């Protein structure tokens, strides 16, 4: 269910709500009725809640938030909306027609789904027993060597940016959220260790935190309130670098958002080597020279490649030392 909209993207809005939705189709159509002509992006509605990533003019996004809060308090009374203005560095990307199509920001789309985040398990409930940490408390927990930090995002997201600190940071090399539960079964989490979980905007942590609490012997489980998006907003207000390094992958035409602190660890640098020639580090899936993102030629997984090995914005193909392939597909070719 979509409607094309030649919308100017001045800002991006992320939000989710977890709670019983008796008529998801009715709610989805109601949201679309005042949004499809002026906004672009994706809305997922299910009986367990709503998950949305939208772009458009600032005034239209603010009006969307206001109306949702005012007229459907039964769903959105406790929802925290993350509204971020598009930065100067990102303007060219959000204007790029191919990136808008690839990320689903060429139209307003909504659909009814079984899960607002695909974990492949029972319907979600809000993780009321999980501590939600703001920036200062998160940084303090990250500074403790006994803490275990779990990046709930996909491997291609953590490849360009992650938290670094004294704590043990685990970044699963998973392809989709549905792989997380399987990864957790053998995750190297010591008994009794405090576990911290984070994701982009918070919704994946709502689900992952429940799994972590149920399937590990952790002393306690906490999540980053509002995700990295809210964390970086607070870092900007505080005027320091924070502990998130590199770039934050986002599911919209911006592709990623630059953190104030560059990636510095050997682990992060190794993860961002060019998938074609092995040089690095490669810091992002796009650059000033190209907006077309590289993918595995077999399974279509996003890959980090350097400008020399990538397809350029003009459509010319650079020389590659080997075919573009993710590690799994490359292993099968041997």
Protein backbone atom coordinates (compact mmCIF):
# COMPACT_ATOMS: atom_id res chain seq x y z
CA UNK A 1 0.00 0.00 0.00
CA UNK A 2 1.93 2.97 -1.24
CA UNK A 3 1.61 6.37 -2.83
CA UNK A 4 4.37 8.12 -4.73
CA UNK A 5 5.27 11.53 -3.39
CA UNK A 6 7.93 13.91 -4.81
CA UNK A 7 8.66 14.99 -1.25
CA UNK A 8 11.53 17.17 -0.14
CA UNK A 9 13.26 15.38 2.73
CA UNK A 10 14.25 17.96 5.33
CA UNK A 11 14.19 15.57 8.28
CA UNK A 12 13.77 11.91 9.22
CA UNK A 13 11.38 10.62 11.88
CA UNK A 14 11.79 7.32 13.72
CA UNK A 15 9.26 5.99 16.19
CA UNK A 16 7.72 2.81 17.49
CA UNK A 17 4.93 1.83 19.85
CA UNK A 18 4.47 -1.56 21.48
CA UNK A 19 1.01 -2.53 22.70
CA UNK A 20 -2.12 -4.36 21.65
CA UNK A 21 -3.54 -3.12 18.32
CA UNK A 22 -6.97 -4.65 17.72
CA UNK A 23 -7.36 -3.38 14.15
CA UNK A 24 -3.91 -2.91 12.58
CA UNK A 25 -5.32 -2.30 9.08
CA UNK A 26 -7.54 0.46 10.37
CA UNK A 27 -4.63 2.15 12.19
CA UNK A 28 -2.35 1.84 9.16
CA UNK A 29 -4.91 3.42 6.86
CA UNK A 30 -5.63 6.19 9.38
CA UNK A 31 -1.93 7.13 9.57
CA UNK A 32 -1.66 7.02 5.78
CA UNK A 33 -4.76 9.19 5.31
CA UNK A 34 -2.93 12.32 6.48
CA UNK A 35 0.62 11.31 5.54
CA UNK A 36 0.76 9.65 2.13
CA UNK A 37 0.57 12.92 0.20
CA UNK A 38 3.35 14.71 2.09
CA UNK A 39 5.69 12.05 3.56
CA UNK A 40 7.77 9.13 2.30
CA UNK A 41 9.11 6.05 4.03
CA UNK A 42 7.85 2.89 5.71
CA UNK A 43 5.28 2.07 8.39
CA UNK A 44 4.86 -1.46 9.74
CA UNK A 45 1.70 -2.16 11.74
CA UNK A 46 0.81 -5.35 13.56
CA UNK A 47 -1.29 -6.52 16.47
CA UNK A 48 1.77 -5.95 18.69
CA UNK A 49 2.45 -2.32 17.71
CA UNK A 50 3.82 0.12 15.12
CA UNK A 51 7.31 0.73 13.71
CA UNK A 52 7.89 3.71 11.41
CA UNK A 53 10.72 5.41 9.51
CA UNK A 54 9.53 8.49 7.63
CA UNK A 55 10.99 11.46 5.81
CA UNK A 56 9.66 14.74 4.52
CA UNK A 57 9.34 18.45 5.27
CA UNK A 58 9.92 19.30 8.92
CA UNK A 59 6.47 20.86 9.29
CA UNK A 60 4.75 17.77 7.86
CA UNK A 61 6.65 15.41 10.18
CA UNK A 62 5.85 17.56 13.20
CA UNK A 63 2.18 17.56 12.18
CA UNK A 64 2.27 13.76 11.84
CA UNK A 65 3.65 13.40 15.38
CA UNK A 66 1.17 15.87 16.85
CA UNK A 67 -1.85 14.23 15.29
CA UNK A 68 -0.75 10.72 16.26
CA UNK A 69 -0.23 11.77 19.87
CA UNK A 70 -3.42 13.79 20.09
CA UNK A 71 -5.88 11.51 18.32
CA UNK A 72 -4.54 8.02 19.12
CA UNK A 73 -3.31 8.29 22.68
CA UNK A 74 -4.32 4.66 23.16
CA UNK A 75 -1.35 3.76 20.93
CA UNK A 76 1.09 6.68 21.07
CA UNK A 77 0.72 8.17 24.57
CA UNK A 78 4.14 6.88 25.67
CA UNK A 79 5.88 6.95 22.29
CA UNK A 80 9.17 8.83 22.01
CA UNK A 81 9.52 10.29 18.54
CA UNK A 82 13.08 10.73 17.20
CA UNK A 83 13.02 13.62 14.73
CA UNK A 84 16.36 14.48 13.11
CA UNK A 85 17.02 17.27 10.63
CA UNK A 86 18.99 16.22 7.55
CA UNK A 87 22.52 17.64 7.79
CA UNK A 88 24.41 19.48 5.08
CA UNK A 89 26.59 16.42 4.50
CA UNK A 90 23.50 14.29 3.82
CA UNK A 91 21.57 16.64 1.54
CA UNK A 92 22.97 15.26 -1.73
CA UNK A 93 22.10 11.71 -0.70
CA UNK A 94 18.46 12.39 0.19
CA UNK A 95 18.04 14.09 -3.19
CA UNK A 96 19.47 11.09 -5.08
CA UNK A 97 16.61 9.29 -6.84
CA UNK A 98 18.35 5.89 -6.89
CA UNK A 99 19.06 5.97 -3.15
CA UNK A 100 15.48 7.02 -2.44
CA UNK A 101 14.18 4.09 -4.48
CA UNK A 102 16.61 1.60 -2.95
CA UNK A 103 15.75 2.61 0.62
CA UNK A 104 12.01 2.85 0.00
CA UNK A 105 11.89 6.62 0.38
CA UNK A 106 10.40 7.29 -3.05
CA UNK A 107 6.87 6.85 -1.67
CA UNK A 108 4.84 6.45 1.50
CA UNK A 109 4.34 2.74 2.17
CA UNK A 110 2.59 0.91 4.96
CA UNK A 111 1.71 -2.71 5.53
CA UNK A 112 0.31 -5.06 8.12
CA UNK A 113 2.89 -7.57 9.40
CA UNK A 114 3.11 -10.31 12.00
CA UNK A 115 5.96 -8.61 13.88
CA UNK A 116 7.06 -4.97 13.86
CA UNK A 117 10.64 -6.31 14.02
CA UNK A 118 11.17 -9.77 12.56
CA UNK A 119 12.53 -11.88 15.40
CA UNK A 120 10.40 -14.90 14.49
CA UNK A 121 8.91 -15.38 17.92
CA UNK A 122 5.85 -14.62 20.05
CA UNK A 123 4.30 -11.13 19.95
CA UNK A 124 6.26 -8.44 21.74
CA UNK A 125 5.47 -6.90 25.07
CA UNK A 126 7.18 -3.80 26.31
CA UNK A 127 10.29 -4.85 28.23
CA UNK A 128 9.24 -3.34 31.55
CA UNK A 129 11.86 -5.20 33.60
CA UNK A 130 14.75 -3.91 31.45
CA UNK A 131 16.65 -0.83 32.62
CA UNK A 132 16.69 1.99 30.10
CA UNK A 133 19.90 3.98 30.27
CA UNK A 134 20.38 7.58 29.16
CA UNK A 135 23.69 8.77 27.76
CA UNK A 136 25.59 9.37 31.06
CA UNK A 137 24.50 6.10 32.67
CA UNK A 138 25.26 4.21 29.45
CA UNK A 139 28.79 5.63 29.26
CA UNK A 140 29.39 4.74 32.91
CA UNK A 141 28.26 1.14 32.33
CA UNK A 142 30.37 0.90 29.18
CA UNK A 143 33.45 1.89 31.19
CA UNK A 144 33.16 -1.19 33.42
CA UNK A 145 35.33 -4.13 32.27
CA UNK A 146 32.85 -6.65 33.65
CA UNK A 147 30.05 -5.39 31.37
CA UNK A 148 29.14 -7.16 28.13
CA UNK A 149 27.74 -4.92 25.39
CA UNK A 150 25.68 -6.52 22.61
CA UNK A 151 25.15 -4.73 19.31
CA UNK A 152 21.72 -5.98 18.28
CA UNK A 153 22.08 -4.66 14.74
CA UNK A 154 23.10 -6.55 11.61
CA UNK A 155 26.74 -7.13 10.76
CA UNK A 156 26.73 -4.70 7.85
CA UNK A 157 25.57 -1.96 10.25
CA UNK A 158 28.20 -2.52 12.93
CA UNK A 159 30.92 -2.71 10.25
CA UNK A 160 30.94 1.09 9.94
CA UNK A 161 30.34 2.15 13.54
CA UNK A 162 30.00 0.83 17.07
CA UNK A 163 30.57 1.62 20.72
CA UNK A 164 34.06 1.25 22.15
CA UNK A 165 35.01 1.15 25.80
CA UNK A 166 36.45 -0.97 28.57
CA UNK A 167 33.53 -3.38 28.38
CA UNK A 168 33.51 -6.44 26.12
CA UNK A 169 31.63 -5.44 22.95
CA UNK A 170 29.96 -8.21 20.93
CA UNK A 171 28.88 -7.35 17.39
CA UNK A 172 27.21 -10.43 15.86
CA UNK A 173 27.90 -10.90 12.17
CA UNK A 174 24.24 -11.56 11.42
CA UNK A 175 22.42 -10.77 8.19
CA UNK A 176 18.99 -10.05 9.61
CA UNK A 177 17.28 -9.60 12.94
CA UNK A 178 15.73 -13.06 12.65
CA UNK A 179 19.26 -14.50 13.07
CA UNK A 180 19.78 -12.92 16.49
CA UNK A 181 18.08 -15.61 18.59
CA UNK A 182 20.28 -18.33 17.05
CA UNK A 183 23.42 -16.28 17.62
CA UNK A 184 22.46 -15.74 21.26
CA UNK A 185 22.37 -19.48 21.94
CA UNK A 186 26.16 -19.68 21.72
CA UNK A 187 27.10 -16.09 22.56
CA UNK A 188 30.17 -15.78 24.83
CA UNK A 189 28.41 -14.13 27.76
CA UNK A 190 29.86 -15.02 31.18
CA UNK A 191 27.40 -16.07 33.88
CA UNK A 192 26.48 -13.16 36.11
CA UNK A 193 27.80 -10.48 33.76
CA UNK A 194 25.73 -7.31 33.37
CA UNK A 195 24.57 -7.06 29.75
CA UNK A 196 23.95 -3.86 27.80
CA UNK A 197 22.10 -3.93 24.47
CA UNK A 198 21.82 -1.25 21.82
CA UNK A 199 20.43 -0.71 18.35
CA UNK A 200 19.63 2.23 16.07
CA UNK A 201 16.39 3.59 17.53
CA UNK A 202 15.45 1.24 20.36
CA UNK A 203 12.79 -1.02 18.88
CA UNK A 204 15.09 -3.99 18.23
CA UNK A 205 16.37 -3.76 21.80
CA UNK A 206 12.84 -4.07 23.13
CA UNK A 207 12.73 -7.54 21.59
CA UNK A 208 16.38 -8.52 22.06
CA UNK A 209 16.44 -7.54 25.74
CA UNK A 210 13.62 -9.96 26.46
CA UNK A 211 15.55 -12.77 24.77
CA UNK A 212 18.80 -11.91 26.58
CA UNK A 213 17.08 -11.86 29.97
CA UNK A 214 15.32 -15.16 29.30
CA UNK A 215 18.20 -17.11 27.74
CA UNK A 216 21.29 -16.00 29.65
CA UNK A 217 22.37 -15.96 33.29
CA UNK A 218 23.03 -12.23 33.26
CA UNK A 219 23.05 -10.29 36.50
CA UNK A 220 20.94 -7.62 34.81
CA UNK A 221 20.02 -6.49 31.31
CA UNK A 222 19.91 -2.84 30.26
CA UNK A 223 19.28 -1.12 26.93
CA UNK A 224 20.29 2.22 25.48
CA UNK A 225 17.16 4.35 25.72
CA UNK A 226 16.24 5.72 22.31
CA UNK A 227 19.09 3.87 20.65
CA UNK A 228 22.17 5.38 19.06
CA UNK A 229 20.04 8.06 17.39
CA UNK A 230 19.06 9.55 20.75
CA UNK A 231 22.59 9.02 22.11
CA UNK A 232 24.20 11.01 19.28
CA UNK A 233 21.68 13.80 19.73
CA UNK A 234 22.69 14.06 23.40
CA UNK A 235 26.39 13.94 22.52
CA UNK A 236 25.85 16.85 20.12
CA UNK A 237 24.12 18.84 22.85
CA UNK A 238 26.89 18.02 25.35
CA UNK A 239 29.56 19.10 22.88
CA UNK A 240 31.93 16.17 23.37
CA UNK A 241 32.82 13.07 21.35
CA UNK A 242 30.90 10.33 23.15
CA UNK A 243 31.78 6.65 22.91
CA UNK A 244 30.11 5.73 19.63
CA UNK A 245 32.77 5.60 16.92
CA UNK A 246 32.50 5.82 13.16
CA UNK A 247 29.14 6.13 11.41
CA UNK A 248 25.62 5.09 12.32
CA UNK A 249 23.96 3.04 9.57
CA UNK A 250 20.38 4.18 8.91
CA UNK A 251 17.61 2.73 6.75
CA UNK A 252 16.90 5.85 4.72
CA UNK A 253 18.62 7.74 1.89
CA UNK A 254 21.18 9.29 4.24
CA UNK A 255 22.70 5.76 4.38
CA UNK A 256 24.67 6.68 7.51
CA UNK A 257 25.17 9.47 10.02
CA UNK A 258 28.64 10.54 11.09
CA UNK A 259 29.47 10.35 14.79
CA UNK A 260 31.76 12.91 16.40
CA UNK A 261 34.36 10.24 17.15
CA UNK A 262 36.13 8.31 14.35
CA UNK A 263 36.63 4.57 14.47
CA UNK A 264 39.90 3.89 16.23
CA UNK A 265 40.11 0.24 17.19
CA UNK A 266 41.89 -2.44 15.16
CA UNK A 267 38.73 -4.57 15.27
CA UNK A 268 36.56 -1.89 13.73
CA UNK A 269 39.17 -1.04 11.11
CA UNK A 270 39.52 -4.68 10.07
CA UNK A 271 35.75 -5.03 9.74
CA UNK A 272 35.69 -2.16 7.22
CA UNK A 273 38.22 -3.48 4.71
CA UNK A 274 37.19 -3.35 1.05
CA UNK A 275 35.32 -6.54 0.15
CA UNK A 276 36.87 -6.54 -3.34
CA UNK A 277 40.55 -5.73 -2.87
CA UNK A 278 41.06 -5.94 0.90
CA UNK A 279 42.33 -2.39 1.29
CA UNK A 280 40.95 -0.18 3.98
CA UNK A 281 39.53 1.07 6.03
CA UNK A 282 36.35 1.87 4.10
CA UNK A 283 34.16 4.08 6.27
CA UNK A 284 30.81 4.09 4.50
CA UNK A 285 28.66 2.43 1.83
CA UNK A 286 28.59 5.66 -0.19
CA UNK A 287 31.08 8.45 -0.72
CA UNK A 288 31.34 11.87 -2.33
CA UNK A 289 32.26 10.08 -5.57
CA UNK A 290 29.49 7.48 -5.59
CA UNK A 291 25.99 6.98 -4.30
CA UNK A 292 25.32 3.51 -5.69
CA UNK A 293 25.87 0.94 -2.95
CA UNK A 294 27.77 -2.29 -3.65
CA UNK A 295 26.20 -5.66 -2.96
CA UNK A 296 27.19 -9.29 -3.09
CA UNK A 297 26.58 -10.45 -6.66
CA UNK A 298 24.94 -13.65 -5.37
CA UNK A 299 22.89 -12.88 -2.26
CA UNK A 300 22.65 -9.06 -2.54
CA UNK A 301 24.08 -8.39 0.94
CA UNK A 302 25.45 -4.86 1.30
CA UNK A 303 29.24 -4.75 1.04
CA UNK A 304 31.84 -2.15 1.86
CA UNK A 305 34.06 -1.40 -1.12
CA UNK A 306 36.55 1.35 -1.83
CA UNK A 307 35.92 3.92 -4.56
CA UNK A 308 38.43 2.26 -6.86
CA UNK A 309 36.59 -1.07 -6.78
CA UNK A 310 33.05 0.27 -6.74
CA UNK A 311 30.61 1.22 -9.41
CA UNK A 312 30.72 5.01 -9.70
CA UNK A 313 27.79 7.40 -9.83
CA UNK A 314 28.36 7.73 -13.55
CA UNK A 315 27.83 4.01 -14.07
CA UNK A 316 31.45 3.14 -14.91
CA UNK A 317 32.78 -0.04 -13.37
CA UNK A 318 36.21 0.11 -11.78
CA UNK A 319 38.74 -2.70 -11.98
CA UNK A 320 38.18 -5.35 -9.33
CA UNK A 321 40.74 -7.84 -8.11
CA UNK A 322 38.03 -10.44 -7.44
CA UNK A 323 34.22 -10.68 -7.89
CA UNK A 324 32.12 -8.88 -5.31
CA UNK A 325 30.99 -11.48 -2.81
CA UNK A 326 30.19 -11.64 0.89
CA UNK A 327 32.29 -13.99 3.00
CA UNK A 328 29.65 -16.76 2.90
CA UNK A 329 29.19 -16.70 -0.87
CA UNK A 330 32.95 -16.39 -1.45
CA UNK A 331 33.52 -19.50 0.69
CA UNK A 332 30.98 -21.48 -1.34
CA UNK A 333 32.75 -20.52 -4.58
CA UNK A 334 36.05 -22.02 -3.44
